[in-house]
Amino acid sequence: MSDQPIEDVIDGATIMGAVLCAYAPLIRLVPVENIKGGRLPEGQPLPAILVRTVSSTGPQMLRREGTRRCIDRISVAVRAATWAEQRAIIRQVREAGADRVGPIGGGSSVTILLSGLGPDVDGPGNTYEQTQDFRVSYDATTGE
């Protein structure tokens, strides 16, 4: 996943981007260089995927010192040239992220769950777009 360098920050968007970039069936449809974080640049070749944070709960203290549980709602937007292509890619996005548990994408104690499929919408430049949201939970160290 590329856009701006993320200086070793582990968050839900970074974790989800790593999952998508490592999922071979998805990469056969969307090259890794077309999976972005933050926003899609002007003239972005299609198909493309955009990963961004929708919301984040405040970190919750766990019993283990120096660790906080974080929960991020992550939106993965698929933009494609055709409706059929959009639908095929969104299926693979769902398969890539659904029901994952463990150390994932640099995160500790990660859990990823589906959290809602968005509507088919008209994207910019006469493209097809749809989003899939995920609930990404992970442990973050607090430096204590």
N, C-alpha and C. Protein backbone atom coordinates (compact mmCIF):
# COMPACT_ATOMS: atom_id res chain seq x y z
N MET A 1 0.86 -1.17 0.00
CA MET A 1 0.00 0.00 0.00
C MET A 1 0.90 1.22 0.00
N SER A 2 0.59 2.16 -0.86
CA SER A 2 1.46 3.33 -0.93
C SER A 2 0.66 4.61 -0.99
N ASP A 3 1.25 5.67 -0.63
CA ASP A 3 0.82 7.05 -0.72
C ASP A 3 1.93 7.81 -0.02
N GLN A 4 1.72 8.22 1.20
CA GLN A 4 2.77 8.84 1.99
C GLN A 4 3.40 7.79 2.90
N PRO A 5 4.71 7.89 3.18
CA PRO A 5 5.32 6.96 4.13
C PRO A 5 4.65 7.07 5.49
N ILE A 6 4.46 5.94 6.15
CA ILE A 6 3.76 5.93 7.43
C ILE A 6 4.72 5.65 8.58
N GLU A 7 5.95 5.95 8.55
CA GLU A 7 6.90 5.91 9.64
C GLU A 7 6.59 4.90 10.74
N ASP A 8 6.47 3.64 10.39
CA ASP A 8 6.33 2.56 11.36
C ASP A 8 5.10 2.66 12.26
N VAL A 9 4.07 3.35 11.83
CA VAL A 9 2.84 3.42 12.61
C VAL A 9 2.01 2.17 12.32
N ILE A 10 1.59 1.49 13.38
CA ILE A 10 0.70 0.36 13.21
C ILE A 10 -0.69 0.82 13.62
N ASP A 11 -1.60 0.78 12.67
CA ASP A 11 -3.00 1.10 12.94
C ASP A 11 -3.86 0.22 12.05
N GLY A 12 -5.17 0.36 12.17
CA GLY A 12 -6.07 -0.50 11.41
C GLY A 12 -5.91 -0.39 9.91
N ALA A 13 -5.67 0.82 9.41
CA ALA A 13 -5.51 1.01 7.96
C ALA A 13 -4.22 0.35 7.46
N THR A 14 -3.16 0.48 8.23
CA THR A 14 -1.89 -0.16 7.86
C THR A 14 -2.02 -1.67 7.85
N ILE A 15 -2.68 -2.21 8.88
CA ILE A 15 -2.90 -3.65 8.97
C ILE A 15 -3.74 -4.13 7.79
N MET A 16 -4.83 -3.42 7.51
CA MET A 16 -5.72 -3.83 6.42
C MET A 16 -5.01 -3.73 5.08
N GLY A 17 -4.21 -2.69 4.88
CA GLY A 17 -3.44 -2.56 3.65
C GLY A 17 -2.48 -3.73 3.45
N ALA A 18 -1.84 -4.15 4.54
CA ALA A 18 -0.92 -5.29 4.46
C ALA A 18 -1.66 -6.57 4.09
N VAL A 19 -2.84 -6.76 4.65
CA VAL A 19 -3.66 -7.94 4.33
C VAL A 19 -4.00 -7.96 2.85
N LEU A 20 -4.47 -6.83 2.34
CA LEU A 20 -4.87 -6.76 0.93
C LEU A 20 -3.69 -6.97 -0.01
N CYS A 21 -2.55 -6.36 0.31
CA CYS A 21 -1.36 -6.47 -0.55
C CYS A 21 -0.77 -7.87 -0.56
N ALA A 22 -1.09 -8.67 0.43
CA ALA A 22 -0.54 -10.03 0.52
C ALA A 22 -1.50 -11.10 0.00
N TYR A 23 -2.71 -10.72 -0.41
CA TYR A 23 -3.71 -11.70 -0.81
C TYR A 23 -3.65 -11.93 -2.31
N ALA A 24 -3.04 -13.04 -2.71
CA ALA A 24 -2.76 -13.33 -4.13
C ALA A 24 -3.99 -13.25 -5.04
N PRO A 25 -5.16 -13.82 -4.66
CA PRO A 25 -6.31 -13.70 -5.57
C PRO A 25 -6.72 -12.25 -5.85
N LEU A 26 -6.52 -11.36 -4.88
CA LEU A 26 -6.84 -9.95 -5.08
C LEU A 26 -5.79 -9.29 -5.96
N ILE A 27 -4.52 -9.61 -5.72
CA ILE A 27 -3.43 -9.01 -6.49
C ILE A 27 -3.48 -9.40 -7.96
N ARG A 28 -4.10 -10.53 -8.25
CA ARG A 28 -4.28 -10.90 -9.67
C ARG A 28 -5.25 -9.93 -10.35
N LEU A 29 -6.13 -9.29 -9.58
CA LEU A 29 -7.10 -8.35 -10.14
C LEU A 29 -6.66 -6.89 -10.03
N VAL A 30 -5.94 -6.57 -8.95
CA VAL A 30 -5.51 -5.19 -8.69
C VAL A 30 -4.03 -5.22 -8.31
N PRO A 31 -3.15 -4.63 -9.11
CA PRO A 31 -1.73 -4.62 -8.76
C PRO A 31 -1.49 -3.91 -7.42
N VAL A 32 -0.48 -4.37 -6.69
CA VAL A 32 -0.16 -3.78 -5.39
C VAL A 32 0.02 -2.27 -5.49
N GLU A 33 0.63 -1.80 -6.56
CA GLU A 33 0.86 -0.35 -6.69
C GLU A 33 -0.43 0.44 -6.86
N ASN A 34 -1.56 -0.23 -7.09
CA ASN A 34 -2.86 0.44 -7.19
C ASN A 34 -3.66 0.32 -5.90
N ILE A 35 -3.05 -0.15 -4.82
CA ILE A 35 -3.68 -0.18 -3.50
C ILE A 35 -3.07 0.96 -2.71
N LYS A 36 -3.88 1.94 -2.37
CA LYS A 36 -3.39 3.19 -1.78
C LYS A 36 -4.01 3.43 -0.41
N GLY A 37 -3.33 4.25 0.36
CA GLY A 37 -3.86 4.73 1.62
C GLY A 37 -4.10 6.23 1.53
N GLY A 38 -5.11 6.72 2.24
CA GLY A 38 -5.37 8.16 2.26
C GLY A 38 -6.29 8.64 1.17
N ARG A 39 -5.79 8.73 -0.06
CA ARG A 39 -6.64 9.13 -1.18
C ARG A 39 -6.04 8.63 -2.48
N LEU A 40 -6.87 8.58 -3.50
CA LEU A 40 -6.39 8.18 -4.82
C LEU A 40 -5.94 9.42 -5.57
N PRO A 41 -4.74 9.41 -6.14
CA PRO A 41 -4.26 10.57 -6.88
C PRO A 41 -5.02 10.76 -8.19
N GLU A 42 -4.98 11.98 -8.71
CA GLU A 42 -5.56 12.27 -10.03
C GLU A 42 -4.94 11.33 -11.06
N GLY A 43 -5.78 10.82 -11.95
CA GLY A 43 -5.30 9.97 -13.02
C GLY A 43 -4.91 8.57 -12.58
N GLN A 44 -5.34 8.16 -11.39
CA GLN A 44 -5.01 6.82 -10.89
C GLN A 44 -5.50 5.76 -11.87
N PRO A 45 -4.60 4.87 -12.33
CA PRO A 45 -5.04 3.79 -13.21
C PRO A 45 -6.03 2.87 -12.50
N LEU A 46 -6.96 2.33 -13.26
CA LEU A 46 -7.97 1.41 -12.72
C LEU A 46 -7.61 -0.02 -13.07
N PRO A 47 -8.06 -0.95 -12.27
CA PRO A 47 -8.80 -0.78 -11.03
C PRO A 47 -7.87 -0.32 -9.91
N ALA A 48 -8.48 0.24 -8.86
CA ALA A 48 -7.73 0.75 -7.73
C ALA A 48 -8.50 0.49 -6.44
N ILE A 49 -7.76 0.44 -5.35
CA ILE A 49 -8.34 0.25 -4.02
C ILE A 49 -7.80 1.34 -3.12
N LEU A 50 -8.69 1.92 -2.31
CA LEU A 50 -8.33 2.96 -1.36
C LEU A 50 -8.67 2.46 0.04
N VAL A 51 -7.69 2.51 0.96
CA VAL A 51 -7.87 2.08 2.34
C VAL A 51 -7.79 3.32 3.23
N ARG A 52 -8.83 3.53 4.07
CA ARG A 52 -8.80 4.68 4.98
C ARG A 52 -9.55 4.38 6.27
N THR A 53 -9.21 5.12 7.29
CA THR A 53 -9.85 4.97 8.60
C THR A 53 -11.13 5.78 8.63
N VAL A 54 -12.22 5.13 9.05
CA VAL A 54 -13.51 5.80 9.21
C VAL A 54 -13.63 6.32 10.63
N SER A 55 -13.30 5.48 11.60
CA SER A 55 -13.36 5.88 13.01
C SER A 55 -12.42 5.00 13.82
N SER A 56 -12.11 5.48 15.01
CA SER A 56 -11.24 4.74 15.91
C SER A 56 -11.69 4.99 17.33
N THR A 57 -11.83 3.92 18.11
CA THR A 57 -12.17 4.10 19.51
C THR A 57 -10.91 4.48 20.26
N GLY A 58 -11.10 5.16 21.37
CA GLY A 58 -9.94 5.46 22.20
C GLY A 58 -9.34 4.16 22.71
N PRO A 59 -8.02 4.10 22.79
CA PRO A 59 -7.39 2.86 23.27
C PRO A 59 -7.91 2.49 24.66
N GLN A 60 -8.16 1.22 24.85
CA GLN A 60 -8.67 0.71 26.11
C GLN A 60 -7.54 -0.03 26.83
N MET A 61 -7.34 0.27 28.10
CA MET A 61 -6.29 -0.40 28.87
C MET A 61 -6.62 -1.87 29.06
N LEU A 62 -5.61 -2.69 28.91
CA LEU A 62 -5.73 -4.11 29.21
C LEU A 62 -5.01 -4.38 30.52
N ARG A 63 -5.11 -5.57 31.00
CA ARG A 63 -4.43 -5.91 32.25
C ARG A 63 -2.92 -5.96 32.08
N ARG A 64 -2.46 -6.18 30.87
CA ARG A 64 -1.02 -6.21 30.63
C ARG A 64 -0.50 -4.77 30.58
N GLU A 65 0.49 -4.47 31.39
CA GLU A 65 1.05 -3.12 31.39
C GLU A 65 1.67 -2.79 30.04
N GLY A 66 1.51 -1.56 29.63
CA GLY A 66 2.12 -1.10 28.40
C GLY A 66 1.39 -1.48 27.12
N THR A 67 0.18 -2.04 27.24
CA THR A 67 -0.59 -2.44 26.06
C THR A 67 -1.99 -1.86 26.13
N ARG A 68 -2.44 -1.36 25.02
CA ARG A 68 -3.81 -0.86 24.91
C ARG A 68 -4.49 -1.53 23.73
N ARG A 69 -5.77 -1.85 23.90
CA ARG A 69 -6.56 -2.45 22.83
C ARG A 69 -7.16 -1.32 22.00
N CYS A 70 -6.96 -1.37 20.69
CA CYS A 70 -7.48 -0.36 19.78
C CYS A 70 -8.45 -1.04 18.81
N ILE A 71 -9.48 -0.30 18.43
CA ILE A 71 -10.45 -0.80 17.46
C ILE A 71 -10.68 0.29 16.43
N ASP A 72 -10.36 -0.02 15.18
CA ASP A 72 -10.53 0.93 14.07
C ASP A 72 -11.55 0.39 13.09
N ARG A 73 -12.40 1.27 12.61
CA ARG A 73 -13.29 0.93 11.50
C ARG A 73 -12.61 1.40 10.23
N ILE A 74 -12.34 0.46 9.34
CA ILE A 74 -11.58 0.74 8.13
C ILE A 74 -12.48 0.56 6.90
N SER A 75 -12.43 1.52 6.02
CA SER A 75 -13.19 1.46 4.77
C SER A 75 -12.24 1.13 3.63
N VAL A 76 -12.62 0.13 2.85
CA VAL A 76 -11.84 -0.24 1.66
C VAL A 76 -12.74 0.04 0.45
N ALA A 77 -12.34 1.05 -0.32
CA ALA A 77 -13.12 1.44 -1.50
C ALA A 77 -12.49 0.83 -2.75
N VAL A 78 -13.34 0.24 -3.57
CA VAL A 78 -12.91 -0.33 -4.84
C VAL A 78 -13.42 0.57 -5.95
N ARG A 79 -12.53 0.97 -6.84
CA ARG A 79 -12.92 1.77 -8.01
C ARG A 79 -12.49 1.00 -9.25
N ALA A 80 -13.43 0.82 -10.19
CA ALA A 80 -13.16 0.01 -11.38
C ALA A 80 -13.81 0.62 -12.61
N ALA A 81 -13.41 0.12 -13.76
CA ALA A 81 -13.94 0.63 -15.03
C ALA A 81 -15.30 0.04 -15.37
N THR A 82 -15.60 -1.15 -14.85
CA THR A 82 -16.89 -1.79 -15.14
C THR A 82 -17.51 -2.29 -13.83
N TRP A 83 -18.82 -2.48 -13.88
CA TRP A 83 -19.54 -3.00 -12.71
C TRP A 83 -19.10 -4.43 -12.41
N ALA A 84 -18.92 -5.25 -13.44
CA ALA A 84 -18.48 -6.64 -13.24
C ALA A 84 -17.11 -6.68 -12.58
N GLU A 85 -16.21 -5.83 -13.01
CA GLU A 85 -14.87 -5.78 -12.42
C GLU A 85 -14.95 -5.33 -10.95
N GLN A 86 -15.75 -4.32 -10.69
CA GLN A 86 -15.93 -3.84 -9.31
C GLN A 86 -16.45 -4.96 -8.41
N ARG A 87 -17.43 -5.70 -8.88
CA ARG A 87 -18.02 -6.78 -8.08
C ARG A 87 -17.01 -7.91 -7.84
N ALA A 88 -16.21 -8.25 -8.83
CA ALA A 88 -15.21 -9.31 -8.66
C ALA A 88 -14.15 -8.88 -7.64
N ILE A 89 -13.74 -7.64 -7.69
CA ILE A 89 -12.71 -7.14 -6.77
C ILE A 89 -13.27 -7.05 -5.35
N ILE A 90 -14.48 -6.55 -5.19
CA ILE A 90 -15.03 -6.41 -3.83
C ILE A 90 -15.20 -7.80 -3.19
N ARG A 91 -15.51 -8.82 -3.99
CA ARG A 91 -15.58 -10.19 -3.44
C ARG A 91 -14.23 -10.62 -2.90
N GLN A 92 -13.17 -10.31 -3.62
CA GLN A 92 -11.83 -10.70 -3.16
C GLN A 92 -11.39 -9.87 -1.96
N VAL A 93 -11.78 -8.61 -1.90
CA VAL A 93 -11.48 -7.77 -0.72
C VAL A 93 -12.13 -8.39 0.51
N ARG A 94 -13.40 -8.80 0.37
CA ARG A 94 -14.11 -9.42 1.49
C ARG A 94 -13.43 -10.72 1.92
N GLU A 95 -13.04 -11.54 0.94
CA GLU A 95 -12.35 -12.80 1.26
C GLU A 95 -11.00 -12.55 1.92
N ALA A 96 -10.29 -11.54 1.46
CA ALA A 96 -8.96 -11.24 2.01
C ALA A 96 -9.03 -10.89 3.49
N GLY A 97 -10.03 -10.14 3.88
CA GLY A 97 -10.05 -9.61 5.25
C GLY A 97 -10.97 -10.30 6.23
N ALA A 98 -11.90 -11.08 5.75
CA ALA A 98 -12.92 -11.62 6.65
C ALA A 98 -12.36 -12.62 7.65
N ASP A 99 -12.73 -12.43 8.92
CA ASP A 99 -12.51 -13.42 9.98
C ASP A 99 -11.04 -13.81 10.16
N ARG A 100 -10.17 -12.83 10.25
CA ARG A 100 -8.74 -13.09 10.45
C ARG A 100 -8.37 -12.81 11.91
N VAL A 101 -7.45 -13.62 12.43
CA VAL A 101 -6.99 -13.47 13.81
C VAL A 101 -5.51 -13.79 13.86
N GLY A 102 -4.76 -13.04 14.67
CA GLY A 102 -3.35 -13.35 14.90
C GLY A 102 -2.45 -12.16 14.69
N PRO A 103 -1.15 -12.39 14.59
CA PRO A 103 -0.23 -11.30 14.28
C PRO A 103 -0.31 -11.02 12.78
N ILE A 104 -0.84 -9.87 12.42
CA ILE A 104 -1.12 -9.56 11.01
C ILE A 104 -0.61 -8.15 10.71
N GLY A 105 0.08 -7.99 9.61
CA GLY A 105 0.48 -6.67 9.13
C GLY A 105 1.27 -5.85 10.12
N GLY A 106 2.06 -6.52 10.95
CA GLY A 106 2.84 -5.81 11.96
C GLY A 106 2.09 -5.55 13.25
N GLY A 107 0.81 -5.92 13.29
CA GLY A 107 0.01 -5.72 14.49
C GLY A 107 0.02 -6.94 15.39
N SER A 108 -0.21 -6.71 16.66
CA SER A 108 -0.22 -7.78 17.66
C SER A 108 -1.67 -8.08 18.06
N SER A 109 -1.99 -9.35 18.19
CA SER A 109 -3.33 -9.79 18.61
C SER A 109 -4.42 -9.17 17.75
N VAL A 110 -4.26 -9.24 16.45
CA VAL A 110 -5.19 -8.61 15.50
C VAL A 110 -6.42 -9.49 15.30
N THR A 111 -7.57 -8.85 15.21
CA THR A 111 -8.82 -9.49 14.80
C THR A 111 -9.43 -8.61 13.73
N ILE A 112 -9.80 -9.21 12.60
CA ILE A 112 -10.44 -8.46 11.52
C ILE A 112 -11.79 -9.10 11.22
N LEU A 113 -12.84 -8.29 11.25
CA LEU A 113 -14.20 -8.76 10.97
C LEU A 113 -14.84 -7.87 9.91
N LEU A 114 -15.72 -8.46 9.10
CA LEU A 114 -16.51 -7.66 8.17
C LEU A 114 -17.41 -6.73 8.96
N SER A 115 -17.62 -5.51 8.45
CA SER A 115 -18.42 -4.54 9.18
C SER A 115 -19.33 -3.73 8.26
N GLY A 116 -19.80 -4.32 7.20
CA GLY A 116 -20.77 -3.64 6.35
C GLY A 116 -20.28 -3.40 4.94
N LEU A 117 -21.13 -3.75 3.98
CA LEU A 117 -20.87 -3.53 2.57
C LEU A 117 -21.64 -2.30 2.13
N GLY A 118 -20.95 -1.37 1.50
CA GLY A 118 -21.60 -0.14 1.05
C GLY A 118 -22.31 -0.33 -0.28
N PRO A 119 -23.06 0.69 -0.70
CA PRO A 119 -23.81 0.61 -1.95
C PRO A 119 -22.92 0.77 -3.17
N ASP A 120 -23.41 0.31 -4.30
CA ASP A 120 -22.78 0.62 -5.58
C ASP A 120 -23.02 2.10 -5.84
N VAL A 121 -21.95 2.83 -6.15
CA VAL A 121 -22.11 4.25 -6.44
C VAL A 121 -21.34 4.60 -7.71
N ASP A 122 -21.70 5.74 -8.30
CA ASP A 122 -20.96 6.26 -9.43
C ASP A 122 -19.69 6.91 -8.91
N GLY A 123 -18.55 6.45 -9.38
CA GLY A 123 -17.28 7.05 -9.00
C GLY A 123 -16.94 8.18 -9.94
N PRO A 124 -15.86 8.89 -9.65
CA PRO A 124 -15.45 9.98 -10.53
C PRO A 124 -15.05 9.47 -11.90
N GLY A 125 -15.25 10.29 -12.91
CA GLY A 125 -14.84 9.94 -14.27
C GLY A 125 -15.57 8.75 -14.84
N ASN A 126 -16.86 8.61 -14.49
CA ASN A 126 -17.69 7.53 -15.04
C ASN A 126 -17.16 6.15 -14.64
N THR A 127 -16.71 6.02 -13.38
CA THR A 127 -16.22 4.74 -12.87
C THR A 127 -17.26 4.13 -11.94
N TYR A 128 -17.00 2.91 -11.53
CA TYR A 128 -17.87 2.17 -10.61
C TYR A 128 -17.14 2.03 -9.28
N GLU A 129 -17.88 2.26 -8.17
CA GLU A 129 -17.24 2.26 -6.86
C GLU A 129 -18.13 1.60 -5.82
N GLN A 130 -17.50 0.91 -4.89
CA GLN A 130 -18.20 0.29 -3.77
C GLN A 130 -17.21 0.16 -2.62
N THR A 131 -17.71 0.23 -1.37
CA THR A 131 -16.85 0.08 -0.21
C THR A 131 -17.24 -1.13 0.62
N GLN A 132 -16.24 -1.68 1.28
CA GLN A 132 -16.41 -2.72 2.28
C GLN A 132 -15.73 -2.22 3.54
N ASP A 133 -16.47 -2.20 4.65
CA ASP A 133 -15.89 -1.78 5.92
C ASP A 133 -15.47 -3.01 6.72
N PHE A 134 -14.43 -2.81 7.53
CA PHE A 134 -13.90 -3.84 8.40
C PHE A 134 -13.74 -3.28 9.80
N ARG A 135 -13.86 -4.13 10.80
CA ARG A 135 -13.56 -3.78 12.19
C ARG A 135 -12.22 -4.43 12.50
N VAL A 136 -11.21 -3.61 12.69
CA VAL A 136 -9.85 -4.11 12.94
C VAL A 136 -9.48 -3.78 14.38
N SER A 137 -9.29 -4.83 15.18
CA SER A 137 -8.87 -4.68 16.58
C SER A 137 -7.43 -5.14 16.69
N TYR A 138 -6.64 -4.47 17.53
CA TYR A 138 -5.24 -4.83 17.69
C TYR A 138 -4.72 -4.26 19.01
N ASP A 139 -3.62 -4.81 19.48
CA ASP A 139 -2.96 -4.30 20.68
C ASP A 139 -1.87 -3.35 20.26
N ALA A 140 -1.83 -2.19 20.90
CA ALA A 140 -0.79 -1.21 20.64
C ALA A 140 0.03 -1.02 21.91
N THR A 141 1.32 -0.90 21.75
CA THR A 141 2.15 -0.65 22.92
C THR A 141 2.09 0.83 23.27
N THR A 142 2.15 1.11 24.57
CA THR A 142 2.02 2.49 25.04
C THR A 142 3.34 3.12 25.41
N GLY A 143 4.42 2.35 25.40
CA GLY A 143 5.71 2.88 25.75
C GLY A 143 5.94 2.95 27.26
N GLU A 144 5.02 2.38 28.03
CA GLU A 144 5.18 2.38 29.50
C GLU A 144 6.14 1.32 29.95
